[in-house]
N, C-alpha and C. Protein backbone atom coordinates (compact mmCIF):
# COMPACT_ATOMS: atom_id res chain seq x y z
N MET A 1 0.90 -1.09 -0.09
CA MET A 1 -0.01 0.24 -0.07
C MET A 1 1.00 1.11 0.10
N ASN A 2 2.00 1.17 0.42
CA ASN A 2 3.09 2.26 0.76
C ASN A 2 3.32 2.92 -0.70
N GLN A 3 3.07 2.11 -1.61
CA GLN A 3 3.60 2.52 -2.97
C GLN A 3 2.13 3.34 -3.59
N ASN A 4 1.44 3.31 -3.14
CA ASN A 4 -0.17 3.39 -3.90
C ASN A 4 -0.48 5.14 -3.36
N LEU A 5 0.10 5.80 -4.65
CA LEU A 5 -0.03 7.19 -4.07
C LEU A 5 -1.60 7.78 -4.51
N SER A 6 -2.32 7.23 -5.19
CA SER A 6 -3.81 7.36 -5.19
C SER A 6 -4.28 7.78 -3.99
N LEU A 7 -4.01 7.04 -2.84
CA LEU A 7 -4.75 6.83 -1.38
C LEU A 7 -4.38 8.42 -0.94
N TYR A 8 -3.51 8.94 -1.37
CA TYR A 8 -3.33 10.32 -0.28
C TYR A 8 -3.72 11.47 -1.36
N PRO A 9 -4.29 12.42 -0.80
CA PRO A 9 -4.30 12.62 0.64
C PRO A 9 -5.75 11.37 1.21
N LEU A 10 -5.71 10.84 2.23
CA LEU A 10 -6.61 9.83 2.80
C LEU A 10 -7.23 10.68 3.87
N THR A 11 -8.61 10.45 3.50
CA THR A 11 -9.68 11.36 4.45
C THR A 11 -10.20 10.21 5.46
N LEU A 12 -10.03 10.50 6.86
CA LEU A 12 -10.18 9.57 8.01
C LEU A 12 -11.52 10.18 8.61
N TYR A 13 -12.44 8.96 8.78
CA TYR A 13 -13.70 9.39 9.45
C TYR A 13 -13.56 8.64 10.88
N TYR A 14 -13.46 9.56 11.97
CA TYR A 14 -13.58 8.82 13.07
C TYR A 14 -14.33 9.47 14.09
N ASP A 15 -14.31 8.70 15.25
CA ASP A 15 -15.35 8.93 16.35
C ASP A 15 -15.00 10.07 17.29
N GLY A 16 -15.02 11.20 17.30
CA GLY A 16 -14.49 12.14 18.27
C GLY A 16 -14.91 11.99 19.59
N ALA A 17 -16.13 11.09 19.76
CA ALA A 17 -16.68 10.85 21.31
C ALA A 17 -16.08 9.92 21.75
N CYS A 18 -15.14 8.75 21.13
CA CYS A 18 -14.23 7.83 21.75
C CYS A 18 -13.05 8.33 22.45
N PRO A 19 -12.80 7.99 23.66
CA PRO A 19 -11.24 8.70 23.96
C PRO A 19 -10.07 7.74 23.56
N LEU A 20 -10.32 6.53 23.08
CA LEU A 20 -9.31 5.92 22.61
C LEU A 20 -9.09 6.31 21.01
N CYS A 21 -10.40 6.43 20.29
CA CYS A 21 -10.00 7.26 19.00
C CYS A 21 -9.63 8.24 18.79
N MET A 22 -10.03 9.37 19.84
CA MET A 22 -9.40 10.74 19.80
C MET A 22 -7.88 10.56 20.30
N ALA A 23 -7.47 9.64 20.78
CA ALA A 23 -5.99 9.68 21.37
C ALA A 23 -5.20 9.09 19.97
N GLU A 24 -5.72 8.32 19.39
CA GLU A 24 -4.79 7.95 18.04
C GLU A 24 -5.16 8.92 17.16
N MET A 25 -6.18 9.59 17.06
CA MET A 25 -6.23 10.50 15.81
C MET A 25 -5.08 11.80 16.30
N ARG A 26 -5.42 12.20 17.57
CA ARG A 26 -4.24 13.41 18.10
C ARG A 26 -2.77 12.90 17.82
N ASN A 27 -2.37 11.60 17.81
CA ASN A 27 -1.30 11.02 17.79
C ASN A 27 -1.04 11.33 16.25
N LEU A 28 -1.94 10.74 15.25
CA LEU A 28 -1.68 10.94 13.91
C LEU A 28 -1.59 12.30 13.35
N MET A 29 -2.54 13.33 13.96
CA MET A 29 -2.51 14.61 13.83
C MET A 29 -1.15 15.22 14.14
N LEU A 30 -0.46 15.09 14.87
CA LEU A 30 1.03 15.52 15.34
C LEU A 30 1.85 14.86 14.24
N ARG A 31 1.88 13.80 13.74
CA ARG A 31 2.60 13.25 12.82
C ARG A 31 2.42 13.40 11.27
N ASN A 32 1.19 14.04 11.15
CA ASN A 32 0.62 14.40 9.80
C ASN A 32 1.60 15.55 9.28
N THR A 33 3.02 15.44 9.19
CA THR A 33 3.26 17.09 8.83
C THR A 33 3.39 17.17 7.22
N ALA A 34 3.38 16.09 6.65
CA ALA A 34 3.42 15.89 5.16
C ALA A 34 1.76 16.30 4.65
N GLY A 35 0.97 16.32 5.35
CA GLY A 35 -0.50 16.59 5.06
C GLY A 35 -1.15 15.37 4.14
N ARG A 36 -0.87 14.16 4.56
CA ARG A 36 -1.31 13.02 3.88
C ARG A 36 -2.78 12.46 4.09
N LEU A 37 -2.82 12.95 5.51
CA LEU A 37 -4.23 12.57 6.04
C LEU A 37 -4.90 13.80 6.25
N ARG A 38 -6.30 13.60 6.21
CA ARG A 38 -7.40 14.33 6.46
C ARG A 38 -8.22 13.92 7.59
N PHE A 39 -8.94 14.53 8.40
CA PHE A 39 -9.27 14.10 9.44
C PHE A 39 -11.02 14.77 9.62
N VAL A 40 -11.67 13.73 9.83
CA VAL A 40 -13.27 14.27 9.80
C VAL A 40 -14.06 13.41 11.10
N ASP A 41 -14.47 14.25 11.81
CA ASP A 41 -15.04 13.75 13.06
C ASP A 41 -16.44 13.65 12.77
N MET A 42 -16.79 12.46 13.27
CA MET A 42 -18.46 12.15 12.87
C MET A 42 -19.29 12.07 14.22
N ALA A 43 -18.62 12.87 15.48
CA ALA A 43 -19.45 12.81 16.41
C ALA A 43 -20.68 13.73 16.35
N PRO A 44 -20.20 15.17 15.81
CA PRO A 44 -21.23 16.06 16.14
C PRO A 44 -22.48 15.67 15.44
N ALA A 45 -23.42 15.92 15.74
CA ALA A 45 -24.94 15.83 15.55
C ALA A 45 -25.29 16.18 13.97
N ASP A 46 -24.51 17.28 13.51
CA ASP A 46 -24.54 18.20 12.09
C ASP A 46 -23.91 17.38 11.15
N PHE A 47 -23.20 16.24 11.73
CA PHE A 47 -22.46 15.64 10.52
C PHE A 47 -23.02 14.95 9.42
N VAL A 48 -22.80 15.01 8.30
CA VAL A 48 -23.28 14.46 7.19
C VAL A 48 -22.36 13.61 6.40
N ALA A 49 -22.65 12.59 6.31
CA ALA A 49 -21.75 11.30 5.65
C ALA A 49 -21.54 11.71 4.12
N PRO A 50 -20.59 11.52 3.63
CA PRO A 50 -20.06 11.85 2.33
C PRO A 50 -21.27 11.12 1.36
N ALA A 51 -21.33 11.52 0.17
CA ALA A 51 -21.86 10.80 -0.83
C ALA A 51 -21.68 9.36 -1.03
N GLY A 52 -22.60 8.40 -1.34
CA GLY A 52 -22.44 7.20 -1.36
C GLY A 52 -21.85 6.44 0.16
N ALA A 53 -21.88 7.05 1.10
CA ALA A 53 -21.78 6.40 2.63
C ALA A 53 -22.83 6.64 3.54
N LYS A 54 -22.90 5.63 4.58
CA LYS A 54 -23.97 5.86 5.44
C LYS A 54 -23.18 6.23 6.67
N ARG A 55 -23.91 7.23 7.89
CA ARG A 55 -23.04 7.31 8.94
C ARG A 55 -23.02 6.26 9.59
N GLU A 56 -24.34 5.28 9.73
CA GLU A 56 -24.05 4.18 10.59
C GLU A 56 -22.93 3.32 10.16
N GLU A 57 -22.74 3.10 8.91
CA GLU A 57 -21.65 2.03 8.25
C GLU A 57 -20.41 2.69 8.77
N LEU A 58 -20.06 4.20 8.51
CA LEU A 58 -18.76 4.76 8.86
C LEU A 58 -18.45 4.69 10.19
N ALA A 59 -19.58 4.55 11.32
CA ALA A 59 -19.29 4.71 12.38
C ALA A 59 -19.10 3.11 13.10
N ARG A 60 -19.24 2.17 12.12
CA ARG A 60 -19.17 0.83 12.82
C ARG A 60 -17.58 0.16 12.81
N LEU A 61 -17.06 0.81 11.86
CA LEU A 61 -15.35 0.37 11.72
C LEU A 61 -14.66 2.02 11.12
N LEU A 62 -13.44 2.25 11.74
CA LEU A 62 -12.67 3.26 11.19
C LEU A 62 -12.63 3.35 9.51
N HIS A 63 -12.91 4.32 8.82
CA HIS A 63 -13.15 4.41 7.50
C HIS A 63 -12.16 5.26 6.73
N GLY A 64 -11.67 5.31 5.82
CA GLY A 64 -11.08 6.38 4.86
C GLY A 64 -11.27 6.13 3.33
N GLN A 65 -11.34 7.49 3.02
CA GLN A 65 -11.48 7.57 1.67
C GLN A 65 -10.12 8.04 1.00
N ALA A 66 -10.01 7.19 0.08
CA ALA A 66 -8.84 7.45 -0.77
C ALA A 66 -8.82 8.94 -1.66
N ALA A 67 -7.96 9.33 -2.09
CA ALA A 67 -7.95 10.50 -3.10
C ALA A 67 -8.71 10.34 -4.20
N ASP A 68 -8.48 8.71 -4.75
CA ASP A 68 -9.19 8.57 -6.07
C ASP A 68 -10.70 8.01 -5.68
N GLY A 69 -11.09 8.18 -4.31
CA GLY A 69 -12.65 7.96 -4.28
C GLY A 69 -12.76 6.46 -3.21
N ARG A 70 -11.80 5.62 -3.46
CA ARG A 70 -11.92 4.61 -3.24
C ARG A 70 -12.00 4.46 -1.65
N TRP A 71 -12.74 3.47 -0.93
CA TRP A 71 -13.22 3.46 0.41
C TRP A 71 -12.12 2.22 0.94
N LEU A 72 -11.25 2.58 2.06
CA LEU A 72 -10.63 1.56 2.82
C LEU A 72 -11.33 1.32 4.19
N ARG A 73 -11.55 0.21 4.80
CA ARG A 73 -12.00 0.36 6.27
C ARG A 73 -11.25 -0.86 7.03
N GLY A 74 -11.38 -0.60 8.38
CA GLY A 74 -10.76 -1.64 9.12
C GLY A 74 -9.51 -1.49 9.17
N VAL A 75 -8.70 -2.80 9.24
CA VAL A 75 -7.31 -2.76 9.37
C VAL A 75 -6.73 -2.04 7.90
N ASP A 76 -7.23 -2.22 6.86
CA ASP A 76 -6.74 -1.64 5.51
C ASP A 76 -6.34 -0.05 5.89
N THR A 77 -7.35 0.44 6.51
CA THR A 77 -7.28 1.93 6.80
C THR A 77 -6.33 2.26 7.99
N PHE A 78 -5.99 1.37 8.78
CA PHE A 78 -5.12 1.58 9.83
C PHE A 78 -3.75 1.55 9.18
N VAL A 79 -3.49 0.44 8.29
CA VAL A 79 -2.36 0.08 7.50
C VAL A 79 -1.81 1.42 6.69
N ALA A 80 -2.99 2.08 6.09
CA ALA A 80 -2.58 3.12 5.04
C ALA A 80 -2.44 4.55 6.03
N MET A 81 -3.06 4.61 7.04
CA MET A 81 -2.75 5.94 7.90
C MET A 81 -1.39 6.09 8.62
N TYR A 82 -1.29 4.90 8.91
CA TYR A 82 0.52 4.63 9.72
C TYR A 82 1.34 4.73 8.37
N GLU A 83 1.25 4.20 7.55
CA GLU A 83 2.19 4.58 6.35
C GLU A 83 2.12 6.13 6.12
N ALA A 84 1.12 6.73 6.20
CA ALA A 84 1.12 8.13 5.66
C ALA A 84 1.63 8.67 6.15
N VAL A 85 1.88 8.52 7.82
CA VAL A 85 2.82 9.49 8.65
C VAL A 85 3.94 9.11 8.86
N GLY A 86 4.35 8.35 8.30
CA GLY A 86 5.95 7.50 8.42
C GLY A 86 5.97 6.29 9.69
N VAL A 87 4.99 6.24 10.33
CA VAL A 87 5.07 5.12 11.18
C VAL A 87 4.94 3.63 10.72
N SER A 88 5.94 3.48 9.55
CA SER A 88 5.91 2.14 8.67
C SER A 88 5.97 0.77 9.49
N TRP A 89 6.63 0.96 10.62
CA TRP A 89 6.50 -0.28 11.50
C TRP A 89 5.18 -0.82 12.06
N VAL A 90 4.54 0.14 12.61
CA VAL A 90 2.95 -0.26 12.87
C VAL A 90 2.36 -0.72 11.56
N ALA A 91 2.44 -0.10 10.57
CA ALA A 91 1.76 -0.25 9.25
C ALA A 91 2.14 -1.89 8.71
N GLN A 92 3.58 -1.92 8.84
CA GLN A 92 3.92 -3.28 8.54
C GLN A 92 3.63 -4.43 9.19
N ALA A 93 3.72 -4.18 10.60
CA ALA A 93 3.01 -5.21 11.64
C ALA A 93 1.35 -5.40 11.33
N LEU A 94 0.83 -4.44 11.55
CA LEU A 94 -0.57 -4.47 10.94
C LEU A 94 -0.51 -5.33 9.86
N GLY A 95 -0.46 -5.08 8.74
CA GLY A 95 -0.49 -5.74 7.50
C GLY A 95 0.20 -7.24 7.24
N GLY A 96 1.02 -7.61 8.20
CA GLY A 96 1.99 -8.44 8.20
C GLY A 96 1.03 -10.05 8.13
N ARG A 97 1.59 -10.97 8.06
CA ARG A 97 1.32 -12.25 7.82
C ARG A 97 0.44 -12.84 9.00
N TRP A 98 1.09 -12.45 10.13
CA TRP A 98 0.95 -13.07 11.38
C TRP A 98 -0.04 -12.13 12.04
N VAL A 99 0.05 -10.78 12.14
CA VAL A 99 -0.93 -9.99 12.80
C VAL A 99 -1.80 -9.69 12.13
N ARG A 100 -2.03 -9.30 10.68
CA ARG A 100 -3.28 -8.81 9.87
C ARG A 100 -4.34 -9.85 10.48
N PRO A 101 -4.25 -11.22 10.23
CA PRO A 101 -5.38 -11.95 10.77
C PRO A 101 -6.21 -11.97 12.16
N LEU A 102 -5.27 -11.61 13.22
CA LEU A 102 -5.54 -11.40 14.55
C LEU A 102 -6.44 -9.97 14.62
N ALA A 103 -5.77 -8.82 13.84
CA ALA A 103 -6.38 -7.69 13.93
C ALA A 103 -7.80 -7.46 13.11
N GLU A 104 -8.11 -8.20 11.82
CA GLU A 104 -9.16 -8.23 11.40
C GLU A 104 -10.18 -9.15 12.04
N ARG A 105 -9.58 -10.03 12.99
CA ARG A 105 -10.81 -10.78 13.92
C ARG A 105 -11.17 -9.58 15.10
N GLY A 106 -9.89 -9.00 15.62
CA GLY A 106 -10.15 -8.31 17.05
C GLY A 106 -10.82 -6.99 16.95
N TYR A 107 -10.22 -6.20 15.75
CA TYR A 107 -10.70 -5.14 15.68
C TYR A 107 -12.20 -4.57 15.68
N PRO A 108 -13.01 -5.66 14.87
CA PRO A 108 -14.41 -5.20 14.82
C PRO A 108 -15.15 -5.38 16.29
N TRP A 109 -14.43 -6.08 17.39
CA TRP A 109 -14.94 -6.57 18.55
C TRP A 109 -14.69 -5.10 19.39
N LEU A 110 -13.33 -4.47 19.12
CA LEU A 110 -12.82 -3.40 19.90
C LEU A 110 -13.62 -2.06 19.59
N ALA A 111 -14.01 -2.31 17.98
CA ALA A 111 -14.83 -1.22 17.64
C ALA A 111 -16.33 -0.98 18.22
N ARG A 112 -16.78 -2.21 18.33
CA ARG A 112 -17.93 -2.28 19.07
C ARG A 112 -18.07 -1.71 20.44
N ASN A 113 -17.01 -1.90 20.97
CA ASN A 113 -16.70 -1.73 22.61
C ASN A 113 -15.91 -0.47 22.74
N ARG A 114 -15.72 0.35 22.10
CA ARG A 114 -14.86 1.52 22.27
C ARG A 114 -15.40 2.41 22.89
N HIS A 115 -16.36 2.63 23.41
CA HIS A 115 -17.11 3.51 24.47
C HIS A 115 -17.01 3.10 25.75
N ARG A 116 -16.81 1.87 26.10
CA ARG A 116 -16.62 1.21 27.26
C ARG A 116 -15.22 1.35 27.45
N ILE A 117 -14.05 1.83 26.80
CA ILE A 117 -12.75 1.90 27.28
C ILE A 117 -12.68 3.06 28.05
N PRO A 118 -11.99 2.90 29.27
CA PRO A 118 -12.02 4.15 30.09
C PRO A 118 -10.93 4.98 29.38
N ARG A 119 -10.90 6.42 29.64
CA ARG A 119 -10.27 7.52 29.34
C ARG A 119 -8.64 7.23 29.48
N TRP A 120 -8.46 6.61 30.86
CA TRP A 120 -7.03 6.49 31.24
C TRP A 120 -6.51 5.68 30.69
N LEU A 121 -7.19 4.39 30.46
CA LEU A 121 -6.56 3.55 29.38
C LEU A 121 -5.99 3.98 27.72
N ALA A 122 -6.90 4.95 27.25
CA ALA A 122 -6.62 5.64 26.10
C ALA A 122 -5.31 6.24 26.35
N HIS A 123 -5.06 6.98 27.56
CA HIS A 123 -3.83 7.60 27.57
C HIS A 123 -2.82 6.71 27.75
N VAL A 124 -2.70 5.66 28.48
CA VAL A 124 -1.90 4.51 28.64
C VAL A 124 -1.17 4.21 27.34
N VAL A 125 -2.43 3.80 26.47
CA VAL A 125 -1.77 3.14 25.25
C VAL A 125 -1.31 4.34 24.22
N PHE A 126 -1.85 5.58 24.56
CA PHE A 126 -1.22 6.42 23.27
C PHE A 126 -0.28 7.72 24.03
N GLY A 127 -0.14 7.41 25.22
CA GLY A 127 0.50 8.82 26.07
C GLY A 127 2.00 8.79 25.78
N THR A 128 2.68 7.84 25.46
CA THR A 128 3.95 7.58 25.07
C THR A 128 4.26 8.22 23.74
N ALA A 129 3.16 7.57 22.77
CA ALA A 129 3.40 7.81 21.46
C ALA A 129 3.20 9.33 21.13
N LEU A 130 2.41 9.64 21.96
CA LEU A 130 1.73 11.32 21.91
C LEU A 130 3.00 12.37 22.23
N ARG A 131 3.53 11.65 23.33
CA ARG A 131 4.78 12.70 23.55
C ARG A 131 5.72 12.46 22.72
N ARG A 132 6.32 11.17 21.98
CA ARG A 132 7.34 11.23 20.95
C ARG A 132 6.89 12.06 19.92
N ALA A 133 5.65 12.07 19.60
CA ALA A 133 5.34 12.65 18.58
C ALA A 133 5.54 14.08 18.57
N ALA A 134 5.12 14.66 19.76
CA ALA A 134 5.17 16.40 20.00
C ALA A 134 6.79 16.59 20.15
N ARG A 135 7.46 15.96 20.75
CA ARG A 135 8.96 16.12 20.57
C ARG A 135 9.45 16.17 19.36
N GLN A 136 8.99 15.44 18.43
CA GLN A 136 9.44 15.23 17.03
C GLN A 136 8.99 16.68 16.36
N VAL A 137 7.68 16.60 16.43
CA VAL A 137 7.32 18.08 15.66
C VAL A 137 8.00 19.10 16.28
N ALA A 138 8.28 19.22 17.73
CA ALA A 138 9.03 20.33 18.10
C ALA A 138 10.40 20.52 17.91
N ALA A 139 11.15 19.26 17.48
CA ALA A 139 12.30 19.24 16.97
C ALA A 139 12.24 19.61 15.46
N ALA A 140 11.47 19.22 14.69
CA ALA A 140 11.28 19.56 13.38
C ALA A 140 11.21 20.92 13.24
N GLY A 141 10.46 21.96 14.06
CA GLY A 141 10.28 23.11 14.10
C GLY A 141 11.58 24.07 14.48
N GLU A 142 12.31 23.29 15.42
CA GLU A 142 13.56 23.98 15.80
C GLU A 142 14.69 23.82 14.49
N CYS A 143 14.57 22.57 13.85
CA CYS A 143 15.46 22.49 12.96
C CYS A 143 15.25 23.57 11.51
N ALA A 144 13.91 23.75 11.15
CA ALA A 144 13.03 24.78 10.34
C ALA A 144 13.82 26.07 10.62
N GLN A 145 13.98 26.33 12.16
CA GLN A 145 14.64 27.56 12.31
C GLN A 145 15.90 27.97 12.33
N GLY A 146 16.79 26.59 12.13
CA GLY A 146 18.23 26.56 11.98
C GLY A 146 18.97 25.94 13.47
N ALA A 147 18.05 25.55 14.42
CA ALA A 147 18.69 25.24 15.42
C ALA A 147 18.48 23.70 15.89
N CYS A 148 18.71 23.19 15.10
CA CYS A 148 18.89 21.47 15.03
C CYS A 148 19.78 21.04 16.25
N ARG A 149 19.37 20.08 16.99
CA ARG A 149 19.93 19.11 17.82
C ARG A 149 20.33 17.94 17.53
N ARG A 150 21.45 17.50 17.79
CA ARG A 150 22.48 16.25 16.92
C ARG A 150 22.04 15.28 17.94
N ASP A 151 22.09 15.41 19.26
CA ASP A 151 21.96 14.65 20.12
C ASP A 151 20.88 13.50 20.71
N GLY A 152 19.73 14.29 19.74
CA GLY A 152 18.42 13.65 19.71
C GLY A 152 17.48 13.97 20.78
N SER A 153 17.96 14.75 21.66
CA SER A 153 17.44 15.54 23.07
C SER A 153 16.68 16.62 22.35
């Protein structure tokens, strides 16, 4: 999927009322420095699904609409979105021979039960990733201003 440029920009339709979903989207938003992802929160009551899609279906599993109009759902969306932000190891793991079948079975259950996941658990799952992404964004900003750090701090 990483070679398929017709995917990007990829528009992600996510549930902003879900703490786990929001933590993951914040992580991706911080990493989206190349603008390969667009984010649409479906939680507001005035959300209108795009032509050819139904809100109920979009809310069932994570969906992404590729630049060429194709729809991705579930694990395919996760693979494409992590590839888009340069977290290739996650994309490769999710798309891999051993993990993908497990993810395809487990993700629908997780999606159905996502509102039962407490906010603190979402923070545990994505807290480190969010801090790392924020540091990388800050470091990139410093480099853009000519003050790069070579020691990784």
